[in-house]
Amino acid sequence: MVIEAAGMGVIFLSIHGTMGMDIEEELAFSAFHSISAFCNAGFSTLYGNLGNELVLHNHNLLYITISFLVILGGIGFPILVNLYETVSYESKRLYHRYVKKNKRTIRKIHLYNLNTRIVLIMTAILLVTGTVAIVVFEWNHAFEGMTATEKWVQGFFNATCPRTAGFSSVGMTTFSVQTLLLMVVLMMIGGGTQSTAGGVKVNVFAVVMLNLRAILIGADKVNIFNRELSHDSIRRSNATLILYLLIVFAGIFGLSILEQASVMLVFECTSALSTVGSSLDLTPFGSDSKLIVIVLMFIGRVGVLTIQPY
């Protein structure tokens, strides 16, 4: 609630007096989009989502705010609690040391737990690499006509939303093939565990990559930050990724039978299984195809490892 309220306030300031709305409408718009972003819903009250001409230009603060709300909602509630505890402790420590001049305060060890460190580092890597790649691919393509600042903001926004929320600011069909393939990977990875995000989760992806690295260098154990990952964590992470890929393949295969075969089906199925909600605006699916998409969204929401035979 605190995060959503803060987000609502910033969104209100970013749109106030610029969209032809009265105060009540601006407050409603701000509240709706703050909640939608933090919950990773991706819904907007604007026609064309956040690509509407009312906000597409000169509203960089709006896109940045929504991006950070999406990130906070997608990293997972345990991470938010751990971050709150860390900030609270550091604030008290600095207060006692520099205000009360009490130098005997003992600094805690391991303020950030292993899960928090993995999620934050992986999230930062994905955001930075995703933003740079999208800006490079779309500078003179989908982002043509925008200012340099707007291009970087849109790159950040479009690197954030595919991992967890279905907001869109630029028509998905205007993106280059390279950007769409990158978005498929981002959708597959998703956000943190115990969050509102979908995908295999950044924790799982990190463990799989660490395990791969250990195999390539011939290491007997998988370590990170001087901690050894348990065998069970590695097994479950590998199983989650493999099962996710198998389900995506099954969805693509099924849709290719019922609909006109297209590489865009890969995007649609990945978006559905990762509960992102983005679409390339394909010709409306038939009832059988819609059922496949519904099943993919259901499996993606409850978790791929939850669907298992007994």
Foldseek 3Di string as FASTA:
>chain_A
DVLLVVQLVQQLVLCPPQQPDDPVVSSVQSNVLSVCLLLQAQDHPDVVFQQDPSQLPSRLSNLVSSLVSNQNQFAADVLVVLVVQVVVVVVVVCCCCPVVVDPPDDDDPCSDPPSNVQQVVLVVVQLVVQLVVQLVQPVCWQCPPGDPVSSSSQSSSLSRQLQFHQGDNTQPLRGDPVNLVSSLVSLQQHGDPNGSWWHLYSVLVVLQVQVVVCVVVVHPFRDDPNDTDDPVSSVVSVVQSVLLVVLLVVLLVVVVVQDPRDPQSSSLLSCLLRVHPYHNPDDDGDPVNVVSSPVSNVCRRVGVVVPDDD
